[in-house]
């Protein structure tokens, strides 16, 4: 008789203690790891720098493709000119996609900086 009574009191006390423990965890919702937040912003800036370097390389490639396209048109090589036009269109699409990525990264950095206060 004593064992079931003690077991009942133990389970009752454990059941009352568990909701208190979960509320302690719930109060921690406002905590932010500022070091990790700063690392995130630094990574975003680093990624943005790499994206700008990639855009510069792509623009140089597009300029070379345009020059080659103009040369093939001038010499009357229509087959090579059509290949150059396809290559130019593909590079231009990739450049536009990269510029959209840069825009999204800049918006992300702006949001991170305004939300986190630095």
N, C-alpha and C. Protein backbone atom coordinates (compact mmCIF):
# COMPACT_ATOMS: atom_id res chain seq x y z
N UNK A 1 0.81 -1.18 0.00
CA UNK A 1 0.00 0.00 0.00
C UNK A 1 0.86 1.26 0.00
N UNK A 2 1.99 1.20 0.72
CA UNK A 2 2.84 2.38 0.79
C UNK A 2 3.47 2.71 -0.57
N UNK A 3 3.90 1.69 -1.31
CA UNK A 3 4.57 1.91 -2.59
C UNK A 3 3.65 2.57 -3.62
N UNK A 4 2.44 2.11 -3.83
CA UNK A 4 1.58 2.80 -4.79
C UNK A 4 1.26 4.23 -4.36
N UNK A 5 1.15 4.46 -3.04
CA UNK A 5 0.87 5.81 -2.56
C UNK A 5 2.05 6.74 -2.86
N UNK A 6 3.27 6.26 -2.60
CA UNK A 6 4.47 7.06 -2.88
C UNK A 6 4.64 7.27 -4.38
N UNK A 7 4.36 6.25 -5.16
CA UNK A 7 4.46 6.36 -6.61
C UNK A 7 3.45 7.38 -7.16
N UNK A 8 2.27 7.39 -6.57
CA UNK A 8 1.25 8.37 -6.99
C UNK A 8 1.69 9.78 -6.66
N UNK A 9 2.25 9.99 -5.46
CA UNK A 9 2.73 11.32 -5.10
C UNK A 9 3.91 11.74 -5.98
N UNK A 10 4.77 10.80 -6.30
CA UNK A 10 5.92 11.11 -7.17
C UNK A 10 5.46 11.52 -8.57
N UNK A 11 4.53 10.77 -9.14
CA UNK A 11 4.05 11.12 -10.48
C UNK A 11 3.28 12.42 -10.47
N UNK A 12 2.55 12.69 -9.41
CA UNK A 12 1.82 13.95 -9.30
C UNK A 12 2.78 15.13 -9.20
N UNK A 13 3.83 14.97 -8.40
CA UNK A 13 4.81 16.07 -8.28
C UNK A 13 5.58 16.26 -9.59
N UNK A 14 5.90 15.17 -10.28
CA UNK A 14 6.59 15.29 -11.57
C UNK A 14 5.68 15.95 -12.60
N UNK A 15 4.40 15.62 -12.58
CA UNK A 15 3.46 16.22 -13.53
C UNK A 15 3.30 17.70 -13.27
N UNK A 16 3.38 18.12 -12.02
CA UNK A 16 3.28 19.54 -11.70
C UNK A 16 4.58 20.28 -12.01
N UNK A 17 5.71 19.60 -11.94
CA UNK A 17 7.00 20.25 -12.17
C UNK A 17 7.28 20.41 -13.67
N UNK A 18 6.81 19.52 -14.51
CA UNK A 18 7.10 19.60 -15.94
C UNK A 18 6.51 20.83 -16.62
N UNK A 19 5.28 21.22 -16.34
CA UNK A 19 4.79 22.45 -16.98
C UNK A 19 5.60 23.68 -16.58
N UNK A 20 6.10 23.70 -15.35
CA UNK A 20 6.94 24.82 -14.93
C UNK A 20 8.24 24.87 -15.70
N UNK A 21 8.81 23.72 -15.99
CA UNK A 21 10.07 23.66 -16.74
C UNK A 21 9.86 24.11 -18.18
N UNK A 22 8.72 23.76 -18.74
CA UNK A 22 8.49 24.18 -20.12
C UNK A 22 8.25 25.68 -20.21
N UNK A 23 7.66 26.27 -19.17
CA UNK A 23 7.45 27.71 -19.21
C UNK A 23 8.77 28.46 -19.05
N UNK A 24 9.71 27.86 -18.34
CA UNK A 24 11.03 28.49 -18.26
C UNK A 24 11.69 28.53 -19.62
N UNK A 25 11.53 27.48 -20.40
CA UNK A 25 12.10 27.47 -21.74
C UNK A 25 11.38 28.46 -22.65
N UNK A 26 10.09 28.63 -22.45
CA UNK A 26 9.32 29.52 -23.30
C UNK A 26 9.68 30.98 -23.06
N UNK A 27 10.18 31.29 -21.89
CA UNK A 27 10.56 32.67 -21.61
C UNK A 27 11.85 33.07 -22.31
N UNK A 28 12.56 32.14 -22.86
CA UNK A 28 13.84 32.39 -23.50
C UNK A 28 13.68 32.76 -24.97
N UNK A 29 12.51 33.10 -25.43
CA UNK A 29 12.27 33.32 -26.85
C UNK A 29 12.96 34.57 -27.39
N UNK A 30 13.24 35.53 -26.55
CA UNK A 30 13.83 36.77 -27.04
C UNK A 30 15.35 36.74 -27.13
N UNK A 31 15.98 35.68 -26.73
CA UNK A 31 17.43 35.60 -26.74
C UNK A 31 17.95 35.48 -28.16
N UNK A 32 18.97 36.27 -28.47
CA UNK A 32 19.60 36.17 -29.79
C UNK A 32 21.09 36.03 -29.60
N UNK A 33 21.67 35.21 -30.42
CA UNK A 33 23.12 35.04 -30.40
C UNK A 33 23.70 36.09 -31.33
N UNK A 34 24.16 37.21 -30.79
CA UNK A 34 24.60 38.33 -31.62
C UNK A 34 25.86 37.99 -32.41
N UNK A 35 26.72 37.15 -31.86
CA UNK A 35 27.91 36.77 -32.61
C UNK A 35 27.53 36.01 -33.87
N UNK A 36 26.58 35.10 -33.74
CA UNK A 36 26.14 34.34 -34.91
C UNK A 36 25.42 35.25 -35.91
N UNK A 37 24.69 36.24 -35.41
CA UNK A 37 24.02 37.19 -36.29
C UNK A 37 25.04 38.01 -37.08
N UNK A 38 26.09 38.44 -36.40
CA UNK A 38 27.13 39.21 -37.09
C UNK A 38 27.86 38.36 -38.12
N UNK A 39 28.09 37.10 -37.78
CA UNK A 39 28.73 36.20 -38.74
C UNK A 39 27.85 36.03 -39.98
N UNK A 40 26.55 35.98 -39.77
CA UNK A 40 25.62 35.85 -40.88
C UNK A 40 25.70 37.07 -41.79
N UNK A 41 25.76 38.26 -41.22
CA UNK A 41 25.86 39.47 -42.02
C UNK A 41 27.20 39.52 -42.74
N UNK A 42 28.27 39.12 -42.05
CA UNK A 42 29.60 39.10 -42.71
C UNK A 42 29.61 38.12 -43.88
N UNK A 43 28.98 36.95 -43.69
CA UNK A 43 28.89 35.99 -44.79
C UNK A 43 28.09 36.56 -45.95
N UNK A 44 27.02 37.29 -45.64
CA UNK A 44 26.22 37.91 -46.70
C UNK A 44 27.05 38.93 -47.48
N UNK A 45 27.83 39.74 -46.77
CA UNK A 45 28.69 40.71 -47.46
C UNK A 45 29.75 40.02 -48.31
N UNK A 46 30.33 38.94 -47.78
CA UNK A 46 31.33 38.19 -48.55
C UNK A 46 30.71 37.60 -49.81
N UNK A 47 29.52 37.04 -49.67
CA UNK A 47 28.81 36.48 -50.81
C UNK A 47 28.49 37.57 -51.83
N UNK A 48 28.13 38.74 -51.34
CA UNK A 48 27.83 39.85 -52.24
C UNK A 48 29.07 40.27 -53.01
N UNK A 49 30.23 40.29 -52.35
CA UNK A 49 31.47 40.62 -53.03
C UNK A 49 31.81 39.62 -54.12
N UNK A 50 31.61 38.32 -53.83
CA UNK A 50 31.85 37.30 -54.84
C UNK A 50 30.88 37.44 -56.01
N UNK A 51 29.63 37.80 -55.68
CA UNK A 51 28.64 37.99 -56.75
C UNK A 51 29.02 39.14 -57.66
N UNK A 52 29.51 40.24 -57.08
CA UNK A 52 29.93 41.37 -57.91
C UNK A 52 31.13 41.01 -58.78
N UNK A 53 32.06 40.23 -58.24
CA UNK A 53 33.19 39.76 -59.05
C UNK A 53 32.71 38.89 -60.21
N UNK A 54 31.73 38.04 -59.93
CA UNK A 54 31.18 37.18 -60.97
C UNK A 54 30.48 38.01 -62.04
N UNK A 55 29.78 39.06 -61.63
CA UNK A 55 29.11 39.95 -62.60
C UNK A 55 30.14 40.63 -63.49
N UNK A 56 31.24 41.07 -62.92
CA UNK A 56 32.29 41.71 -63.72
C UNK A 56 32.85 40.75 -64.76
N UNK A 57 33.10 39.50 -64.35
CA UNK A 57 33.60 38.52 -65.31
C UNK A 57 32.57 38.23 -66.40
N UNK A 58 31.30 38.16 -66.00
CA UNK A 58 30.25 37.89 -66.99
C UNK A 58 30.10 39.05 -67.97
N UNK A 59 30.21 40.27 -67.49
CA UNK A 59 30.11 41.43 -68.39
C UNK A 59 31.28 41.46 -69.37
N UNK A 60 32.46 41.09 -68.91
CA UNK A 60 33.61 41.02 -69.82
C UNK A 60 33.39 39.93 -70.86
N UNK A 61 32.83 38.80 -70.45
CA UNK A 61 32.54 37.72 -71.38
C UNK A 61 31.49 38.15 -72.40
N UNK A 62 30.50 38.87 -71.97
CA UNK A 62 29.46 39.37 -72.88
C UNK A 62 30.06 40.36 -73.88
N UNK A 63 30.96 41.20 -73.41
CA UNK A 63 31.61 42.16 -74.32
C UNK A 63 32.43 41.41 -75.38
N UNK A 64 33.15 40.36 -74.98
CA UNK A 64 33.90 39.57 -75.95
C UNK A 64 32.96 38.88 -76.94
N UNK A 65 31.84 38.35 -76.43
CA UNK A 65 30.87 37.69 -77.32
C UNK A 65 30.27 38.68 -78.33
N UNK A 66 29.98 39.89 -77.88
CA UNK A 66 29.44 40.89 -78.79
C UNK A 66 30.45 41.28 -79.86
N UNK A 67 31.70 41.42 -79.46
CA UNK A 67 32.73 41.76 -80.44
C UNK A 67 32.90 40.64 -81.46
N UNK A 68 32.89 39.39 -80.97
CA UNK A 68 33.01 38.25 -81.88
C UNK A 68 31.78 38.15 -82.80
N UNK A 69 30.59 38.43 -82.25
CA UNK A 69 29.37 38.42 -83.06
C UNK A 69 29.43 39.48 -84.16
N UNK A 70 29.86 40.68 -83.79
CA UNK A 70 29.98 41.75 -84.80
C UNK A 70 31.00 41.40 -85.87
N UNK A 71 32.10 40.76 -85.47
CA UNK A 71 33.12 40.36 -86.44
C UNK A 71 32.57 39.31 -87.39
N UNK A 72 31.84 38.33 -86.88
CA UNK A 72 31.28 37.29 -87.74
C UNK A 72 30.21 37.85 -88.66
N UNK A 73 29.44 38.81 -88.17
CA UNK A 73 28.44 39.45 -89.04
C UNK A 73 29.14 40.25 -90.14
N UNK A 74 30.19 40.97 -89.76
CA UNK A 74 30.92 41.79 -90.73
C UNK A 74 31.56 40.93 -91.82
N UNK A 75 32.05 39.75 -91.47
CA UNK A 75 32.68 38.87 -92.46
C UNK A 75 31.69 37.97 -93.17
N UNK A 76 30.42 38.00 -92.76
CA UNK A 76 29.39 37.23 -93.45
C UNK A 76 29.30 35.78 -93.03
N UNK A 77 29.83 35.42 -91.90
CA UNK A 77 29.77 34.05 -91.40
C UNK A 77 28.50 33.90 -90.55
N UNK A 78 27.39 33.55 -91.20
CA UNK A 78 26.10 33.54 -90.51
C UNK A 78 25.98 32.39 -89.51
N UNK A 79 26.59 31.23 -89.81
CA UNK A 79 26.51 30.11 -88.89
C UNK A 79 27.22 30.44 -87.57
N UNK A 80 28.42 30.98 -87.64
CA UNK A 80 29.15 31.37 -86.44
C UNK A 80 28.45 32.52 -85.72
N UNK A 81 27.83 33.42 -86.49
CA UNK A 81 27.12 34.53 -85.88
C UNK A 81 25.90 34.03 -85.10
N UNK A 82 25.20 33.01 -85.64
CA UNK A 82 24.05 32.48 -84.91
C UNK A 82 24.48 31.77 -83.62
N UNK A 83 25.60 31.07 -83.68
CA UNK A 83 26.12 30.44 -82.46
C UNK A 83 26.52 31.49 -81.43
N UNK A 84 27.16 32.55 -81.92
CA UNK A 84 27.54 33.64 -81.01
C UNK A 84 26.31 34.31 -80.41
N UNK A 85 25.25 34.46 -81.19
CA UNK A 85 24.02 35.08 -80.69
C UNK A 85 23.39 34.21 -79.60
N UNK A 86 23.39 32.89 -79.81
CA UNK A 86 22.86 31.99 -78.77
C UNK A 86 23.71 32.06 -77.50
N UNK A 87 25.02 32.08 -77.67
CA UNK A 87 25.91 32.18 -76.52
C UNK A 87 25.70 33.51 -75.80
N UNK A 88 25.53 34.56 -76.56
CA UNK A 88 25.31 35.88 -75.98
C UNK A 88 24.00 35.92 -75.20
N UNK A 89 22.94 35.33 -75.75
CA UNK A 89 21.64 35.30 -75.06
C UNK A 89 21.74 34.48 -73.77
N UNK A 90 22.45 33.37 -73.81
CA UNK A 90 22.62 32.52 -72.62
C UNK A 90 23.40 33.27 -71.54
N UNK A 91 24.47 33.97 -71.95
CA UNK A 91 25.25 34.74 -70.98
C UNK A 91 24.45 35.89 -70.40
N UNK A 92 23.62 36.52 -71.24
CA UNK A 92 22.80 37.63 -70.77
C UNK A 92 21.77 37.14 -69.75
N UNK A 93 21.19 35.97 -69.98
CA UNK A 93 20.25 35.40 -69.01
C UNK A 93 20.95 35.10 -67.69
N UNK A 94 22.15 34.55 -67.77
CA UNK A 94 22.91 34.25 -66.55
C UNK A 94 23.25 35.54 -65.81
N UNK A 95 23.59 36.60 -66.54
CA UNK A 95 23.90 37.88 -65.92
C UNK A 95 22.66 38.44 -65.22
N UNK A 96 21.51 38.36 -65.88
CA UNK A 96 20.29 38.86 -65.26
C UNK A 96 19.95 38.08 -63.99
N UNK A 97 20.15 36.78 -64.02
CA UNK A 97 19.90 35.95 -62.83
C UNK A 97 20.85 36.35 -61.70
N UNK A 98 22.10 36.61 -62.04
CA UNK A 98 23.08 37.01 -61.03
C UNK A 98 22.72 38.37 -60.44
N UNK A 99 22.24 39.29 -61.27
CA UNK A 99 21.83 40.61 -60.77
C UNK A 99 20.62 40.49 -59.86
N UNK A 100 19.70 39.58 -60.18
CA UNK A 100 18.56 39.34 -59.28
C UNK A 100 19.04 38.77 -57.95
N UNK A 101 20.03 37.89 -57.99
CA UNK A 101 20.59 37.33 -56.76
C UNK A 101 21.24 38.42 -55.92
N UNK A 102 21.93 39.32 -56.56
CA UNK A 102 22.56 40.44 -55.84
C UNK A 102 21.49 41.28 -55.17
N UNK A 103 20.40 41.54 -55.88
CA UNK A 103 19.32 42.33 -55.30
C UNK A 103 18.74 41.64 -54.07
N UNK A 104 18.50 40.33 -54.17
CA UNK A 104 17.98 39.59 -53.02
C UNK A 104 18.96 39.60 -51.85
N UNK A 105 20.26 39.48 -52.14
CA UNK A 105 21.27 39.53 -51.07
C UNK A 105 21.29 40.89 -50.39
N UNK A 106 21.17 41.95 -51.17
CA UNK A 106 21.17 43.29 -50.59
C UNK A 106 19.94 43.51 -49.72
N UNK A 107 18.79 43.01 -50.16
CA UNK A 107 17.57 43.12 -49.35
C UNK A 107 17.74 42.32 -48.06
N UNK A 108 18.35 41.14 -48.14
CA UNK A 108 18.58 40.31 -46.96
C UNK A 108 19.51 41.02 -45.97
N UNK A 109 20.56 41.63 -46.48
CA UNK A 109 21.49 42.35 -45.61
C UNK A 109 20.78 43.52 -44.95
N UNK A 110 20.01 44.26 -45.72
CA UNK A 110 19.29 45.41 -45.17
C UNK A 110 18.32 44.95 -44.08
N UNK A 111 17.62 43.86 -44.31
CA UNK A 111 16.67 43.34 -43.32
C UNK A 111 17.42 42.85 -42.08
N UNK A 112 18.54 42.15 -42.27
CA UNK A 112 19.31 41.67 -41.12
C UNK A 112 19.85 42.83 -40.29
N UNK A 113 20.34 43.84 -40.95
CA UNK A 113 20.90 44.96 -40.23
C UNK A 113 19.84 45.74 -39.48
N UNK A 114 18.68 45.96 -40.09
CA UNK A 114 17.64 46.72 -39.42
C UNK A 114 16.99 45.90 -38.31
N UNK A 115 16.84 44.60 -38.49
CA UNK A 115 16.23 43.77 -37.45
C UNK A 115 17.15 43.59 -36.26
N UNK A 116 18.42 43.41 -36.54
CA UNK A 116 19.35 43.11 -35.46
C UNK A 116 20.00 44.34 -34.87
N UNK A 117 19.82 45.48 -35.50
CA UNK A 117 20.27 46.72 -34.91
C UNK A 117 21.72 47.06 -35.10
N UNK A 118 22.36 46.58 -36.17
CA UNK A 118 23.74 46.98 -36.44
C UNK A 118 24.00 47.03 -37.90
